[in-house]
Amino acid sequence: MKIEAISGYGGKTPACFLVKIEGKRFLLDLGEGPEAGVFPDLAKLGRIDAVLISHSHKDHIGALPLLDQIGSPPVYTTAMVREISAHSMLNVTRDLPLQGAIDILGVAVETGRASHAPGGIWMRIGGEGGVLYTGDWTRESALYGLDDFPRAAAAICDVSYGDHEEPLSIGIDRIAKEALSGPLLLPMPPAGRGLDSAVLLSEAGLRVGLCPAHRKIAERLAASGRGEVSATARQRLTGLLEKAATLHGDSSAEGVMIAAAADAGDGLAAKLAARFADNDAVRIIFTGHVADGTPGKALIEEGIAGFARWNVHPRASDIRWFADLVQPRVILPAFAGKPAMTRLAALYPDLSFSGPTIDI
């Protein structure tokens, strides 16, 4: 078995990992960004047998238009990812189970919920002697379930935050305090932390407004019986939908306004951020990675908007938990910059972190 990070190693770059196993060549995710126009280099990759998608975020699916460079292989994804994504190339994908097992070209592929986004999954390819790919994951989501990771000889593990250890509860308190002082705009992704934050802030007694994109995904999850979220989470989403106002372009500034997109580059968040940027009574806070060249980055750099992290990736202690559970011989650390990765490796010297390739 050979594993190679085509992209996604050494920094916040697109997810794209090549796995050669049992005579087959699988590509795990095919993303773009986070910066616009940043794609994996597929020029020398050759023909791929199948592409397996972990979840619907752009940095995991944005390079699907490049499929013809790798032989136009079939693409596999969960039903929810296909339903909520606006990417036209996911309309004809083949099914991956949310929780279960499937044979792809004679290779065993097992999956479980990865908690980061609706329909998001981890994958184990080739059984206990194969590789586990976490996709993006967190242990702190209020809505999205995380199924226990199985053992594997090798792992490609999301370590985006490196040695960061601050719990989500602190971030929630920070944002709630801002909301108590006046109107607050939170540009967020609807297929991810946007709904987590909406539920928790609403249940804390704050007035919450949702953009149509957030409402659409909340309605789909609340109505789904496939298990993307638990029955309790579906009830919480239903309660949110009953209480939350629906935002529009000329909504008045009040309460916590949660709108897509997460970088205020488009969607209702772009319109509201432009309206409120000169309004000192309204706070704008970004909560996740904000790419260079985006309106969100400019607002932060100009001091107009603030930043408060809403955890959607594992903390350092979660990496320890993961390693104890999976017991991999080697871990390919994904999506962390070199300084953060150096600190994480120093924190856990007993763990074997690889470079961009693994050969077992």
Protein backbone atom coordinates (compact mmCIF):
# COMPACT_ATOMS: atom_id res chain seq x y z
CA MET A 1 0.00 0.00 0.00
CA LYS A 2 1.25 3.47 -0.90
CA ILE A 3 -0.29 6.78 0.16
CA GLU A 4 0.63 10.15 -1.28
CA ALA A 5 -0.65 13.62 -0.43
CA ILE A 6 -1.11 15.17 -3.86
CA SER A 7 -2.30 18.18 -1.88
CA GLY A 8 -3.34 18.72 1.74
CA TYR A 9 0.03 18.23 3.45
CA GLY A 10 2.02 21.04 5.07
CA GLY A 11 -0.69 23.68 5.17
CA LYS A 12 -4.28 24.62 4.49
CA THR A 13 -4.37 23.39 0.91
CA PRO A 14 -6.94 21.39 -1.09
CA ALA A 15 -7.73 17.87 0.05
CA CYS A 16 -6.43 15.32 -2.43
CA PHE A 17 -4.81 12.03 -1.40
CA LEU A 18 -3.76 9.12 -3.61
CA VAL A 19 -4.09 5.60 -2.20
CA LYS A 20 -2.62 2.67 -4.12
CA ILE A 21 -3.97 -0.55 -2.66
CA GLU A 22 -4.68 -4.06 -3.95
CA GLY A 23 -3.79 -3.01 -7.48
CA LYS A 24 -6.23 -0.09 -7.52
CA ARG A 25 -5.65 3.67 -7.46
CA PHE A 26 -8.13 5.68 -5.42
CA LEU A 27 -8.22 9.45 -4.97
CA LEU A 28 -9.64 10.64 -1.67
CA ASP A 29 -11.24 14.05 -2.21
CA LEU A 30 -10.50 16.49 -5.00
CA GLY A 31 -10.66 20.01 -3.63
CA GLU A 32 -9.97 23.62 -4.47
CA GLY A 33 -8.68 26.35 -2.20
CA PRO A 34 -9.38 27.60 0.35
CA GLU A 35 -7.88 30.38 -1.80
CA ALA A 36 -9.69 30.66 -5.13
CA GLY A 37 -7.98 28.94 -8.03
CA VAL A 38 -5.68 26.75 -5.93
CA PHE A 39 -5.96 23.19 -7.28
CA PRO A 40 -4.03 19.95 -6.79
CA ASP A 41 -1.44 19.28 -9.48
CA LEU A 42 -2.86 16.33 -11.38
CA ALA A 43 -0.59 16.59 -14.42
CA LYS A 44 1.51 13.49 -13.67
CA LEU A 45 -1.05 11.52 -11.69
CA GLY A 46 -2.24 9.27 -14.49
CA ARG A 47 -5.47 7.27 -14.56
CA ILE A 48 -7.43 6.94 -11.31
CA ASP A 49 -9.87 4.08 -10.70
CA ALA A 50 -12.29 5.96 -8.41
CA VAL A 51 -12.65 9.22 -6.48
CA LEU A 52 -14.13 9.00 -2.99
CA ILE A 53 -15.53 12.21 -1.48
CA SER A 54 -15.63 12.81 2.28
CA HIS A 55 -17.96 15.84 2.37
CA SER A 56 -19.34 18.76 0.39
CA HIS A 57 -17.00 21.67 1.22
CA LYS A 58 -15.17 23.35 -1.65
CA ASP A 59 -11.71 22.42 -0.41
CA HIS A 60 -12.76 18.77 -0.81
CA ILE A 61 -14.81 18.84 -4.05
CA GLY A 62 -13.91 22.06 -5.87
CA ALA A 63 -11.54 20.42 -8.36
CA LEU A 64 -14.05 17.89 -9.69
CA PRO A 65 -14.09 19.70 -13.07
CA LEU A 66 -10.54 18.34 -13.50
CA LEU A 67 -11.70 14.71 -13.56
CA ASP A 68 -10.91 14.38 -17.25
CA GLN A 69 -7.21 14.83 -16.39
CA ILE A 70 -7.27 11.55 -14.47
CA GLY A 71 -9.36 9.45 -16.84
CA SER A 72 -12.86 10.58 -15.79
CA PRO A 73 -13.21 7.94 -13.03
CA PRO A 74 -16.46 7.31 -11.15
CA VAL A 75 -17.05 9.51 -8.10
CA TYR A 76 -18.53 8.16 -4.88
CA THR A 77 -20.26 10.21 -2.20
CA THR A 78 -23.06 9.97 0.35
CA ALA A 79 -26.64 10.83 -0.57
CA MET A 80 -26.76 13.92 1.65
CA VAL A 81 -23.58 15.35 0.14
CA ARG A 82 -25.09 14.93 -3.31
CA GLU A 83 -28.37 16.55 -2.23
CA ILE A 84 -26.97 19.65 -0.53
CA SER A 85 -24.10 20.44 -2.86
CA ALA A 86 -24.61 22.89 -5.68
CA HIS A 87 -21.78 21.24 -7.62
CA SER A 88 -23.27 19.86 -10.83
CA MET A 89 -20.67 17.09 -11.10
CA LEU A 90 -22.05 15.44 -7.96
CA ASN A 91 -25.41 14.84 -9.62
CA VAL A 92 -24.22 11.58 -11.16
CA THR A 93 -22.10 10.22 -8.33
CA ARG A 94 -22.35 6.68 -7.02
CA ASP A 95 -23.42 5.99 -3.45
CA LEU A 96 -21.17 5.69 -0.43
CA PRO A 97 -22.96 4.56 2.73
CA LEU A 98 -23.15 7.00 5.62
CA GLN A 99 -22.37 4.13 7.98
CA GLY A 100 -21.51 0.77 6.52
CA ALA A 101 -19.41 -1.06 3.98
CA ILE A 102 -19.15 -1.28 0.22
CA ASP A 103 -16.98 -3.11 -2.29
CA ILE A 104 -15.36 -0.79 -4.82
CA LEU A 105 -13.52 -2.61 -7.59
CA GLY A 106 -12.81 -5.51 -5.25
CA VAL A 107 -11.50 -3.32 -2.41
CA ALA A 108 -13.36 -3.13 0.91
CA VAL A 109 -14.39 0.41 1.87
CA GLU A 110 -15.99 1.06 5.26
CA THR A 111 -17.50 4.37 6.33
CA GLY A 112 -18.82 6.21 9.36
CA ARG A 113 -20.03 9.70 10.22
CA ALA A 114 -17.23 12.24 10.65
CA SER A 115 -19.25 15.00 12.41
CA HIS A 116 -17.89 18.00 10.51
CA ALA A 117 -20.67 18.51 7.95
CA PRO A 118 -24.00 17.03 6.78
CA GLY A 119 -23.36 13.65 5.20
CA GLY A 120 -19.64 13.88 5.95
CA ILE A 121 -17.81 10.58 6.50
CA TRP A 122 -14.53 8.93 7.35
CA MET A 123 -13.38 5.98 5.23
CA ARG A 124 -11.31 2.89 5.93
CA ILE A 125 -9.94 1.35 2.76
CA GLY A 126 -8.56 -2.17 2.76
CA GLY A 127 -9.63 -3.22 6.25
CA GLU A 128 -7.51 -3.16 9.40
CA GLY A 129 -4.33 -3.52 7.36
CA GLY A 130 -5.27 -0.58 5.15
CA VAL A 131 -5.68 3.16 5.55
CA LEU A 132 -8.19 5.26 7.48
CA TYR A 133 -8.99 8.70 6.05
CA THR A 134 -10.77 10.93 8.54
CA GLY A 135 -11.85 13.70 6.19
CA ASP A 136 -12.53 16.76 8.35
CA TRP A 137 -13.75 15.85 11.84
CA THR A 138 -14.52 17.15 15.30
CA ARG A 139 -15.64 15.78 18.65
CA GLU A 140 -17.45 18.99 19.59
CA SER A 141 -20.41 19.24 17.21
CA ALA A 142 -23.84 19.69 18.76
CA LEU A 143 -25.62 18.18 15.76
CA TYR A 144 -23.43 15.95 13.62
CA GLY A 145 -22.57 12.49 14.89
CA LEU A 146 -19.06 11.04 15.06
CA ASP A 147 -18.84 7.27 14.75
CA ASP A 148 -15.88 5.61 16.45
CA PHE A 149 -12.91 5.25 14.16
CA PRO A 150 -11.77 1.68 13.45
CA ARG A 151 -8.20 0.45 13.68
CA ALA A 152 -5.96 0.80 10.65
CA ALA A 153 -2.30 0.34 9.79
CA ALA A 154 -2.06 3.87 8.42
CA ALA A 155 -4.12 7.01 8.84
CA ILE A 156 -4.62 10.26 6.97
CA CYS A 157 -5.83 12.44 9.82
CA ASP A 158 -7.18 15.98 9.86
CA VAL A 159 -4.92 17.90 12.24
CA SER A 160 -5.86 21.37 10.96
CA TYR A 161 -5.52 23.05 14.36
CA GLY A 162 -2.17 21.50 15.28
CA ASP A 163 -1.64 21.88 19.04
CA HIS A 164 -4.70 24.12 19.58
CA GLU A 165 -6.54 22.97 22.70
CA GLU A 166 -9.10 25.66 23.58
CA PRO A 167 -12.54 24.00 23.84
CA LEU A 168 -15.50 25.13 21.78
CA SER A 169 -17.32 26.18 24.95
CA ILE A 170 -14.95 29.14 25.30
CA GLY A 171 -15.61 30.21 21.72
CA ILE A 172 -19.36 29.95 22.29
CA ASP A 173 -19.14 32.12 25.40
CA ARG A 174 -17.05 34.69 23.53
CA ILE A 175 -19.59 34.94 20.71
CA ALA A 176 -22.58 34.97 23.07
CA LYS A 177 -21.09 37.90 25.00
CA GLU A 178 -20.66 39.81 21.75
CA ALA A 179 -24.29 39.09 20.87
CA LEU A 180 -25.49 40.43 24.22
CA SER A 181 -23.86 43.78 23.48
CA GLY A 182 -25.71 44.38 20.20
CA PRO A 183 -26.55 43.02 16.74
CA LEU A 184 -24.07 40.45 15.48
CA LEU A 185 -23.46 39.14 11.95
CA LEU A 186 -21.85 35.70 11.73
CA PRO A 187 -20.92 34.73 8.15
CA MET A 188 -20.93 30.92 8.28
CA PRO A 189 -21.20 27.85 6.05
CA PRO A 190 -24.73 26.40 6.08
CA ALA A 191 -23.40 22.86 5.58
CA GLY A 192 -21.39 22.88 8.78
CA ARG A 193 -20.88 25.07 11.82
CA GLY A 194 -23.61 27.52 10.81
CA LEU A 195 -26.39 25.25 12.04
CA ASP A 196 -24.40 24.11 15.08
CA SER A 197 -23.98 27.72 16.15
CA ALA A 198 -27.59 28.61 15.37
CA VAL A 199 -28.94 25.81 17.55
CA LEU A 200 -26.64 26.49 20.49
CA LEU A 201 -27.06 30.27 20.46
CA SER A 202 -30.84 29.99 20.07
CA GLU A 203 -31.05 27.50 22.93
CA ALA A 204 -28.99 29.93 25.03
CA GLY A 205 -31.84 32.42 24.70
CA LEU A 206 -30.43 34.64 21.95
CA ARG A 207 -32.57 35.81 19.05
CA VAL A 208 -31.28 34.11 15.89
CA GLY A 209 -31.94 34.86 12.23
CA LEU A 210 -31.03 32.47 9.42
CA CYS A 211 -30.42 33.07 5.74
CA PRO A 212 -32.41 30.92 3.27
CA ALA A 213 -29.37 28.71 2.58
CA HIS A 214 -29.13 27.77 6.26
CA ARG A 215 -32.88 27.19 6.52
CA LYS A 216 -32.86 24.92 3.46
CA ILE A 217 -30.21 22.59 4.87
CA ALA A 218 -31.79 22.65 8.35
CA GLU A 219 -35.12 21.61 6.82
CA ARG A 220 -33.48 18.81 4.84
CA LEU A 221 -31.66 17.44 7.89
CA ALA A 222 -34.74 17.72 10.11
CA ALA A 223 -36.73 15.71 7.57
CA SER A 224 -34.08 13.09 6.82
CA GLY A 225 -34.40 9.67 8.37
CA ARG A 226 -31.06 8.37 7.12
CA GLY A 227 -29.10 9.17 10.27
CA GLU A 228 -26.96 12.16 9.30
CA VAL A 229 -28.11 13.61 12.63
CA SER A 230 -29.79 11.91 15.59
CA ALA A 231 -33.50 12.07 16.38
CA THR A 232 -32.69 14.52 19.17
CA ALA A 233 -30.71 16.71 16.78
CA ARG A 234 -33.61 16.66 14.33
CA GLN A 235 -35.90 17.91 17.10
CA ARG A 236 -33.42 20.67 17.94
CA LEU A 237 -33.33 21.73 14.29
CA THR A 238 -37.12 21.74 14.13
CA GLY A 239 -37.22 23.95 17.21
CA LEU A 240 -34.67 26.28 15.65
CA LEU A 241 -36.68 26.58 12.43
CA GLU A 242 -39.80 27.48 14.41
CA LYS A 243 -38.05 30.22 16.39
CA ALA A 244 -35.52 31.71 13.97
CA ALA A 245 -36.32 34.67 11.77
CA THR A 246 -35.64 34.44 8.04
CA LEU A 247 -33.03 36.93 6.90
CA HIS A 248 -33.12 38.84 3.62
CA GLY A 249 -31.06 41.55 2.00
CA ASP A 250 -32.75 44.44 3.78
CA SER A 251 -33.22 42.76 7.16
CA SER A 252 -32.85 45.13 10.08
CA ALA A 253 -29.81 44.65 12.30
CA GLU A 254 -30.99 42.65 15.28
CA GLY A 255 -29.99 39.60 17.25
CA VAL A 256 -27.55 37.03 15.87
CA MET A 257 -27.67 36.99 12.08
CA ILE A 258 -26.20 33.78 10.62
CA ALA A 259 -25.71 33.85 6.87
CA ALA A 260 -23.74 32.22 4.07
CA ALA A 261 -21.09 32.43 2.80
CA ALA A 262 -18.47 31.95 5.49
CA ASP A 263 -16.01 34.44 3.96
CA ALA A 264 -18.74 36.97 3.02
CA GLY A 265 -17.66 36.51 -0.58
CA ASP A 266 -21.14 35.77 -1.84
CA GLY A 267 -24.62 34.87 -0.68
CA LEU A 268 -26.60 36.92 1.81
CA ALA A 269 -23.56 37.36 4.06
CA ALA A 270 -21.90 39.42 1.30
CA LYS A 271 -24.87 41.79 1.12
CA LEU A 272 -25.27 42.12 4.87
CA ALA A 273 -21.55 42.57 5.51
CA ALA A 274 -21.42 45.35 2.91
CA ARG A 275 -24.44 47.03 4.54
CA PHE A 276 -23.18 46.75 8.10
CA ALA A 277 -19.47 47.43 7.56
CA ASP A 278 -19.95 51.14 8.29
CA ASN A 279 -22.44 50.60 11.12
CA ASP A 280 -20.62 50.76 14.43
CA ALA A 281 -23.67 49.30 16.17
CA VAL A 282 -23.26 45.97 14.36
CA ARG A 283 -20.41 43.57 15.05
CA ILE A 284 -19.20 41.23 12.28
CA ILE A 285 -17.31 38.15 13.43
CA PHE A 286 -15.75 35.43 11.31
CA THR A 287 -15.36 32.02 12.93
CA GLY A 288 -13.23 29.85 10.64
CA HIS A 289 -10.44 29.96 8.08
CA VAL A 290 -10.77 33.14 5.99
CA ALA A 291 -8.86 32.87 2.73
CA ASP A 292 -6.66 35.60 1.31
CA GLY A 293 -8.35 37.82 -1.25
CA THR A 294 -11.83 37.46 0.24
CA PRO A 295 -14.05 40.23 1.62
CA GLY A 296 -13.86 38.58 5.02
CA LYS A 297 -10.07 38.78 5.07
CA ALA A 298 -10.19 42.44 4.10
CA LEU A 299 -12.76 43.25 6.79
CA ILE A 300 -10.61 41.58 9.44
CA GLU A 301 -7.40 43.27 8.29
CA GLU A 302 -9.12 46.67 8.25
CA GLY A 303 -10.34 46.17 11.80
CA ILE A 304 -13.98 46.27 10.75
CA ALA A 305 -14.64 42.62 11.62
CA GLY A 306 -13.34 40.38 14.35
CA PHE A 307 -12.43 36.71 14.60
CA ALA A 308 -13.52 34.09 17.13
CA ARG A 309 -12.81 30.46 16.29
CA TRP A 310 -15.73 28.04 16.31
CA ASN A 311 -14.02 24.66 16.50
CA VAL A 312 -14.86 22.32 13.62
CA HIS A 313 -11.60 20.35 13.60
CA PRO A 314 -9.92 18.23 16.29
CA ARG A 315 -8.04 19.76 19.20
CA ALA A 316 -4.64 18.38 20.21
CA SER A 317 -6.21 16.12 22.85
CA ASP A 318 -8.56 14.75 20.19
CA ILE A 319 -5.56 13.69 18.11
CA ARG A 320 -4.28 11.75 21.14
CA TRP A 321 -7.73 10.13 21.52
CA PHE A 322 -7.74 9.27 17.81
CA ALA A 323 -4.31 7.65 17.90
CA ASP A 324 -5.17 5.58 20.97
CA LEU A 325 -8.35 4.37 19.27
CA VAL A 326 -7.01 3.65 15.78
CA GLN A 327 -3.48 2.57 16.77
CA PRO A 328 -1.96 3.36 13.37
CA ARG A 329 1.67 2.57 12.71
CA VAL A 330 1.97 5.91 10.93
CA ILE A 331 -0.16 9.06 10.56
CA LEU A 332 -0.07 11.38 7.57
CA PRO A 333 -1.03 14.72 9.16
CA ALA A 334 -3.39 16.69 6.93
CA PHE A 335 -4.06 20.42 6.59
CA ALA A 336 -1.74 21.79 9.32
CA GLY A 337 0.97 24.35 8.68
CA LYS A 338 4.55 23.53 9.61
CA PRO A 339 4.75 25.54 12.88
CA ALA A 340 1.54 24.04 14.27
CA MET A 341 2.57 20.57 13.14
CA THR A 342 5.99 20.93 14.77
CA ARG A 343 4.35 21.81 18.08
CA LEU A 344 1.89 18.90 17.81
CA ALA A 345 4.69 16.43 17.08
CA ALA A 346 6.63 17.74 20.09
CA LEU A 347 3.53 17.32 22.25
CA TYR A 348 3.19 13.64 21.27
CA PRO A 349 6.70 12.32 20.52
CA ASP A 350 5.45 8.73 20.66
CA LEU A 351 3.25 9.20 17.59
CA SER A 352 4.74 8.51 14.18
CA PHE A 353 3.84 11.43 11.90
CA SER A 354 4.90 10.94 8.30
CA GLY A 355 5.88 13.22 5.47
CA PRO A 356 3.65 13.55 2.39
CA THR A 357 4.05 9.86 1.45
CA ILE A 358 3.60 6.54 3.24
CA ASP A 359 4.76 3.19 1.88
CA ILE A 360 3.71 0.11 3.85
